[in-house]
C-alpha atoms as a PDB file:
ATOM      1  CA  MET A   1       0.000   0.000   0.000  1.00  0.00           C
ATOM      2  CA  PHE A   2       1.040   3.564  -0.659  1.00  0.00           C
ATOM      3  CA  TYR A   3       0.484   6.132   2.061  1.00  0.00           C
ATOM      4  CA  THR A   4       1.842   9.187   0.258  1.00  0.00           C
ATOM      5  CA  GLY A   5      -1.574  10.677  -0.531  1.00  0.00           C
ATOM      6  CA  ILE A   6      -2.856  10.159   2.993  1.00  0.00           C
ATOM      7  CA  ILE A   7       0.266  11.702   4.503  1.00  0.00           C
ATOM      8  CA  ILE A   8       0.074  14.737   2.219  1.00  0.00           C
ATOM      9  CA  GLY A   9      -3.662  15.094   2.923  1.00  0.00           C
ATOM     10  CA  LEU A  10      -3.086  14.925   6.674  1.00  0.00           C
ATOM     11  CA  THR A  11      -0.249  17.441   6.342  1.00  0.00           C
ATOM     12  CA  THR A  12      -2.586  19.807   4.486  1.00  0.00           C
ATOM     13  CA  PHE A  13      -5.216  19.439   7.180  1.00  0.00           C
ATOM     14  CA  ILE A  14      -2.713  20.173   9.963  1.00  0.00           C
ATOM     15  CA  ILE A  15      -1.058  23.148   8.239  1.00  0.00           C
ATOM     16  CA  ILE A  16      -4.359  24.833   7.387  1.00  0.00           C
ATOM     17  CA  GLY A  17      -5.643  24.121  10.896  1.00  0.00           C
ATOM     18  CA  LEU A  18      -2.591  25.777  12.431  1.00  0.00           C
ATOM     19  CA  PHE A  19      -2.766  28.828  10.186  1.00  0.00           C
ATOM     20  CA  HIS A  20      -6.309  29.829  11.190  1.00  0.00           C
ATOM     21  CA  PRO A  21      -5.300  30.824  14.733  1.00  0.00           C
ATOM     22  CA  LEU A  22      -1.909  32.076  13.494  1.00  0.00           C
ATOM     23  CA  VAL A  23      -3.598  34.651  11.234  1.00  0.00           C
ATOM     24  CA  ILE A  24      -5.869  35.784  14.069  1.00  0.00           C
ATOM     25  CA  TRP A  25      -2.933  36.028  16.492  1.00  0.00           C
ATOM     26  CA  SER A  26      -0.693  37.893  14.072  1.00  0.00           C
ATOM     27  CA  GLU A  27      -3.396  40.448  13.180  1.00  0.00           C
ATOM     28  CA  TYR A  28      -4.162  40.991  16.870  1.00  0.00           C
ATOM     29  CA  HIS A  29      -0.532  41.607  17.835  1.00  0.00           C
ATOM     30  CA  PHE A  30       0.956  43.157  14.697  1.00  0.00           C
ATOM     31  CA  GLY A  31      -1.947  44.265  12.522  1.00  0.00           C
ATOM     32  CA  THR A  32      -1.653  43.839   8.778  1.00  0.00           C
ATOM     33  CA  ARG A  33       2.094  44.618   8.894  1.00  0.00           C
ATOM     34  CA  PHE A  34       2.717  40.880   9.360  1.00  0.00           C
ATOM     35  CA  TRP A  35       1.826  40.185   5.717  1.00  0.00           C
ATOM     36  CA  ILE A  36       5.469  40.556   4.703  1.00  0.00           C
ATOM     37  CA  VAL A  37       6.435  37.671   7.007  1.00  0.00           C
ATOM     38  CA  PHE A  38       3.853  35.465   5.314  1.00  0.00           C
ATOM     39  CA  LEU A  39       5.188  36.525   1.900  1.00  0.00           C
ATOM     40  CA  ILE A  40       8.818  35.772   2.724  1.00  0.00           C
ATOM     41  CA  ALA A  41       7.996  32.463   4.429  1.00  0.00           C
ATOM     42  CA  GLY A  42       5.772  31.452   1.502  1.00  0.00           C
ATOM     43  CA  VAL A  43       8.358  32.200  -1.154  1.00  0.00           C
ATOM     44  CA  ILE A  44      11.075  30.376   0.800  1.00  0.00           C
ATOM     45  CA  ALA A  45       8.882  27.319   1.378  1.00  0.00           C
ATOM     46  CA  ILE A  46       7.876  27.147  -2.288  1.00  0.00           C
ATOM     47  CA  ALA A  47      11.497  27.517  -3.397  1.00  0.00           C
ATOM     48  CA  PHE A  48      12.579  24.680  -1.115  1.00  0.00           C
ATOM     49  CA  SER A  49       9.678  22.529  -2.310  1.00  0.00           C
ATOM     50  CA  MET A  50      11.029  22.812  -5.855  1.00  0.00           C
ATOM     51  CA  ILE A  51      14.508  21.587  -4.932  1.00  0.00           C
ATOM     52  CA  THR A  52      13.504  18.852  -2.479  1.00  0.00           C
ATOM     53  CA  GLU A  53      13.607  15.357  -3.920  1.00  0.00           C
ATOM     54  CA  ASN A  54      11.452  13.687  -1.263  1.00  0.00           C
ATOM     55  CA  ILE A  55       7.881  13.789  -2.583  1.00  0.00           C
ATOM     56  CA  ILE A  56       6.227  14.017   0.839  1.00  0.00           C
ATOM     57  CA  LEU A  57       8.528  16.787   2.071  1.00  0.00           C
ATOM     58  CA  SER A  58       8.240  18.608  -1.241  1.00  0.00           C
ATOM     59  CA  GLY A  59       4.460  18.432  -1.055  1.00  0.00           C
ATOM     60  CA  ALA A  60       4.418  19.595   2.564  1.00  0.00           C
ATOM     61  CA  LEU A  61       6.671  22.553   1.750  1.00  0.00           C
ATOM     62  CA  GLY A  62       4.511  23.472  -1.241  1.00  0.00           C
ATOM     63  CA  ILE A  63       1.379  23.329   0.899  1.00  0.00           C
ATOM     64  CA  LEU A  64       3.076  25.401   3.585  1.00  0.00           C
ATOM     65  CA  GLY A  65       4.239  27.965   1.035  1.00  0.00           C
ATOM     66  CA  PHE A  66       0.873  28.460  -0.594  1.00  0.00           C
ATOM     67  CA  THR A  67      -0.853  28.529   2.785  1.00  0.00           C
ATOM     68  CA  CYS A  68       1.495  31.360   3.777  1.00  0.00           C
ATOM     69  CA  LEU A  69       0.611  33.226   0.589  1.00  0.00           C
ATOM     70  CA  TRP A  70      -3.107  32.663   1.187  1.00  0.00           C
ATOM     71  CA  SER A  71      -2.653  34.012   4.717  1.00  0.00           C
ATOM     72  CA  ILE A  72      -1.737  37.390   3.247  1.00  0.00           C
ATOM     73  CA  LYS A  73      -5.298  37.680   1.960  1.00  0.00           C
ATOM     74  CA  GLU A  74      -6.686  36.316   5.206  1.00  0.00           C
ATOM     75  CA  ILE A  75      -4.857  38.799   7.427  1.00  0.00           C
ATOM     76  CA  PHE A  76      -6.529  41.672   5.574  1.00  0.00           C
ATOM     77  CA  GLU A  77      -9.877  39.869   5.826  1.00  0.00           C
ATOM     78  CA  GLN A  78      -9.231  39.447   9.554  1.00  0.00           C
ATOM     79  CA  LYS A  79      -8.746  43.199   9.850  1.00  0.00           C
ATOM     80  CA  LYS A  80     -12.215  43.684   8.333  1.00  0.00           C
ATOM     81  CA  ARG A  81     -13.697  41.135  10.757  1.00  0.00           C
ATOM     82  CA  VAL A  82     -12.135  43.045  13.675  1.00  0.00           C
ATOM     83  CA  GLU A  83     -13.555  46.330  12.362  1.00  0.00           C
ATOM     84  CA  GLN A  84     -16.993  44.684  12.147  1.00  0.00           C
ATOM     85  CA  GLY A  85     -16.685  43.638  15.802  1.00  0.00           C
ATOM     86  CA  ARG A  86     -16.596  39.916  15.098  1.00  0.00           C
ATOM     87  CA  PHE A  87     -13.155  39.589  16.749  1.00  0.00           C
ATOM     88  CA  PRO A  88     -11.601  41.554  19.604  1.00  0.00           C
ATOM     89  CA  LYS A  89      -9.420  44.559  18.832  1.00  0.00           C
ATOM     90  CA  ASN A  90      -6.052  44.866  20.547  1.00  0.00           C
ATOM     91  CA  PRO A  91      -6.413  47.883  22.878  1.00  0.00           C
ATOM     92  CA  LYS A  92      -2.619  48.375  22.989  1.00  0.00           C
ATOM     93  CA  ARG A  93      -2.455  49.035  19.223  1.00  0.00           C
ATOM     94  CA  LYS A  94      -3.664  52.193  17.536  1.00  0.00           C
END
């Protein structure tokens, strides 16, 4: 039996699950300025996924990279959700 697909699927599930609270946390503490971190991390992960020979690791890095890039959009959406009152605003930030 081949477990590659299941492992990559589980990896996708875990990475996306971890990034939901990460986006909320980063917007709360840093605002939308954190988008550059997601951009850099995403580009690095995608670059490493292209040079990695192990299919599972390459897939995981690709998933991580594109999840980071997607998080750029989500951090700006999170800002809108905070402005709508659906999430708490950090009182220490202007």
